[in-house]
Amino acid sequence: MEGRSALWFVLTVLAVWRATHLVHLEHGPWGIVSRLRSVAERVGLGDLVRCFFCLSLWVAAPPAFWLAASWPGRVIAWLALSAGAILIEVRLLAPPGSRQD
């Protein structure tokens, strides 16, 4: 994340969460995303689109490549972006009583 601000990191975490949530649960405009999710399940990628944790890793990879300049930085950014999306999903948006504190 050399040369990028903390603001860019936070914005990228939010974007990773948003894209992951869209692909994982939402229908999208005119049901496009749910149709694409059905296609993914038919071609053997069902576990990927059903698991928020797994999907967040794949969604976080391209932004991590953009966010950091070195390969070690990209790996760290990749895991951190995925973790940020997971924290938003599990800690901030989980229904009351479902969190394990």
C-alpha atoms as a PDB file:
ATOM      1  CA  MET A   1       0.000   0.000   0.000  1.00  0.00           C
ATOM      2  CA  GLU A   2       2.979   2.176  -0.611  1.00  0.00           C
ATOM      3  CA  GLY A   3       1.858   5.537  -1.898  1.00  0.00           C
ATOM      4  CA  ARG A   4      -1.833   4.944  -1.164  1.00  0.00           C
ATOM      5  CA  SER A   5      -3.657   6.554   1.727  1.00  0.00           C
ATOM      6  CA  ALA A   6      -5.605   4.905   4.511  1.00  0.00           C
ATOM      7  CA  LEU A   7      -8.716   6.412   2.953  1.00  0.00           C
ATOM      8  CA  TRP A   8      -8.134   4.382  -0.222  1.00  0.00           C
ATOM      9  CA  PHE A   9      -7.762   1.238   1.858  1.00  0.00           C
ATOM     10  CA  VAL A  10     -11.058   1.868   3.682  1.00  0.00           C
ATOM     11  CA  LEU A  11     -12.842   2.678   0.423  1.00  0.00           C
ATOM     12  CA  THR A  12     -11.434  -0.472  -1.153  1.00  0.00           C
ATOM     13  CA  VAL A  13     -12.582  -2.610   1.797  1.00  0.00           C
ATOM     14  CA  LEU A  14     -16.083  -1.184   1.375  1.00  0.00           C
ATOM     15  CA  ALA A  15     -15.992  -1.868  -2.369  1.00  0.00           C
ATOM     16  CA  VAL A  16     -14.827  -5.464  -1.794  1.00  0.00           C
ATOM     17  CA  TRP A  17     -17.624  -6.004   0.734  1.00  0.00           C
ATOM     18  CA  ARG A  18     -20.198  -4.487  -1.642  1.00  0.00           C
ATOM     19  CA  ALA A  19     -19.150  -6.571  -4.636  1.00  0.00           C
ATOM     20  CA  THR A  20     -18.915  -9.752  -2.540  1.00  0.00           C
ATOM     21  CA  HIS A  21     -22.351  -9.169  -1.012  1.00  0.00           C
ATOM     22  CA  LEU A  22     -23.833  -8.481  -4.436  1.00  0.00           C
ATOM     23  CA  VAL A  23     -22.515 -11.707  -5.937  1.00  0.00           C
ATOM     24  CA  HIS A  24     -23.206 -13.769  -2.807  1.00  0.00           C
ATOM     25  CA  LEU A  25     -26.786 -12.791  -1.955  1.00  0.00           C
ATOM     26  CA  GLU A  26     -28.425 -10.201  -4.153  1.00  0.00           C
ATOM     27  CA  HIS A  27     -30.515 -10.537  -7.302  1.00  0.00           C
ATOM     28  CA  GLY A  28     -29.067  -7.511  -9.046  1.00  0.00           C
ATOM     29  CA  PRO A  29     -30.866  -5.423 -11.619  1.00  0.00           C
ATOM     30  CA  TRP A  30     -33.326  -7.523 -13.634  1.00  0.00           C
ATOM     31  CA  GLY A  31     -32.096 -10.633 -11.783  1.00  0.00           C
ATOM     32  CA  ILE A  32     -28.830 -10.661 -13.707  1.00  0.00           C
ATOM     33  CA  VAL A  33     -26.634 -11.460 -10.716  1.00  0.00           C
ATOM     34  CA  SER A  34     -28.853 -14.318  -9.529  1.00  0.00           C
ATOM     35  CA  ARG A  35     -28.814 -15.771 -13.063  1.00  0.00           C
ATOM     36  CA  LEU A  36     -25.037 -15.555 -13.178  1.00  0.00           C
ATOM     37  CA  ARG A  37     -24.900 -17.197  -9.747  1.00  0.00           C
ATOM     38  CA  SER A  38     -27.077 -20.052 -11.100  1.00  0.00           C
ATOM     39  CA  VAL A  39     -24.703 -20.489 -14.032  1.00  0.00           C
ATOM     40  CA  ALA A  40     -21.737 -20.560 -11.633  1.00  0.00           C
ATOM     41  CA  GLU A  41     -23.446 -23.286  -9.618  1.00  0.00           C
ATOM     42  CA  ARG A  42     -24.142 -25.346 -12.753  1.00  0.00           C
ATOM     43  CA  VAL A  43     -20.492 -25.210 -13.871  1.00  0.00           C
ATOM     44  CA  GLY A  44     -19.187 -26.329 -10.486  1.00  0.00           C
ATOM     45  CA  LEU A  45     -18.533 -23.003  -8.772  1.00  0.00           C
ATOM     46  CA  GLY A  46     -21.462 -23.296  -6.369  1.00  0.00           C
ATOM     47  CA  ASP A  47     -19.292 -23.534  -3.263  1.00  0.00           C
ATOM     48  CA  LEU A  48     -17.517 -20.345  -4.290  1.00  0.00           C
ATOM     49  CA  VAL A  49     -20.655 -18.227  -4.646  1.00  0.00           C
ATOM     50  CA  ARG A  50     -22.348 -19.733  -1.578  1.00  0.00           C
ATOM     51  CA  CYS A  51     -19.414 -19.030   0.775  1.00  0.00           C
ATOM     52  CA  PHE A  52     -18.969 -15.332   1.596  1.00  0.00           C
ATOM     53  CA  PHE A  53     -15.502 -15.966   3.034  1.00  0.00           C
ATOM     54  CA  CYS A  54     -14.265 -17.789  -0.083  1.00  0.00           C
ATOM     55  CA  LEU A  55     -15.846 -15.322  -2.461  1.00  0.00           C
ATOM     56  CA  SER A  56     -14.330 -12.341  -0.649  1.00  0.00           C
ATOM     57  CA  LEU A  57     -10.846 -13.718  -1.348  1.00  0.00           C
ATOM     58  CA  TRP A  58     -11.530 -13.817  -5.088  1.00  0.00           C
ATOM     59  CA  VAL A  59     -13.190 -10.401  -5.128  1.00  0.00           C
ATOM     60  CA  ALA A  60     -10.320  -8.860  -3.118  1.00  0.00           C
ATOM     61  CA  ALA A  61      -7.544 -10.096  -5.443  1.00  0.00           C
ATOM     62  CA  PRO A  62      -7.802  -7.488  -8.257  1.00  0.00           C
ATOM     63  CA  PRO A  63      -8.120  -4.477  -5.916  1.00  0.00           C
ATOM     64  CA  ALA A  64      -5.178  -5.758  -3.836  1.00  0.00           C
ATOM     65  CA  PHE A  65      -3.064  -5.889  -6.983  1.00  0.00           C
ATOM     66  CA  TRP A  66      -3.992  -2.254  -7.686  1.00  0.00           C
ATOM     67  CA  LEU A  67      -3.679  -1.057  -4.079  1.00  0.00           C
ATOM     68  CA  ALA A  68      -0.125  -2.241  -3.392  1.00  0.00           C
ATOM     69  CA  ALA A  69       3.037  -1.911  -5.471  1.00  0.00           C
ATOM     70  CA  SER A  70       5.098  -4.908  -4.288  1.00  0.00           C
ATOM     71  CA  TRP A  71       4.201  -8.596  -4.203  1.00  0.00           C
ATOM     72  CA  PRO A  72       4.461  -8.878  -0.410  1.00  0.00           C
ATOM     73  CA  GLY A  73       2.281  -5.769  -0.131  1.00  0.00           C
ATOM     74  CA  ARG A  74      -0.237  -7.242  -2.565  1.00  0.00           C
ATOM     75  CA  VAL A  75      -0.521 -10.467  -0.570  1.00  0.00           C
ATOM     76  CA  ILE A  76      -1.009  -8.526   2.657  1.00  0.00           C
ATOM     77  CA  ALA A  77      -3.531  -6.176   1.022  1.00  0.00           C
ATOM     78  CA  TRP A  78      -5.378  -9.169  -0.490  1.00  0.00           C
ATOM     79  CA  LEU A  79      -5.834 -10.859   2.879  1.00  0.00           C
ATOM     80  CA  ALA A  80      -6.606  -7.578   4.655  1.00  0.00           C
ATOM     81  CA  LEU A  81      -9.272  -6.563   2.114  1.00  0.00           C
ATOM     82  CA  SER A  82     -10.940  -9.954   2.406  1.00  0.00           C
ATOM     83  CA  ALA A  83     -10.767  -9.774   6.208  1.00  0.00           C
ATOM     84  CA  GLY A  84     -12.279  -6.282   6.173  1.00  0.00           C
ATOM     85  CA  ALA A  85     -15.207  -7.462   4.054  1.00  0.00           C
ATOM     86  CA  ILE A  86     -15.717 -10.444   6.352  1.00  0.00           C
ATOM     87  CA  LEU A  87     -15.668  -8.213   9.441  1.00  0.00           C
ATOM     88  CA  ILE A  88     -18.309  -5.959   7.927  1.00  0.00           C
ATOM     89  CA  GLU A  89     -20.493  -8.937   7.012  1.00  0.00           C
ATOM     90  CA  VAL A  90     -20.109 -10.946  10.203  1.00  0.00           C
ATOM     91  CA  ARG A  91     -19.599  -8.318  12.886  1.00  0.00           C
ATOM     92  CA  LEU A  92     -21.551  -5.315  11.665  1.00  0.00           C
ATOM     93  CA  LEU A  93     -24.389  -6.866   9.667  1.00  0.00           C
ATOM     94  CA  ALA A  94     -25.046 -10.199  11.366  1.00  0.00           C
ATOM     95  CA  PRO A  95     -28.550 -10.479  12.838  1.00  0.00           C
ATOM     96  CA  PRO A  96     -28.709  -9.942  16.619  1.00  0.00           C
ATOM     97  CA  GLY A  97     -28.097 -13.144  18.534  1.00  0.00           C
ATOM     98  CA  SER A  98     -26.228 -14.837  15.695  1.00  0.00           C
ATOM     99  CA  ARG A  99     -22.809 -13.416  16.572  1.00  0.00           C
ATOM    100  CA  GLN A 100     -20.465 -15.466  18.686  1.00  0.00           C
ATOM    101  CA  ASP A 101     -18.677 -12.895  20.834  1.00  0.00           C
END
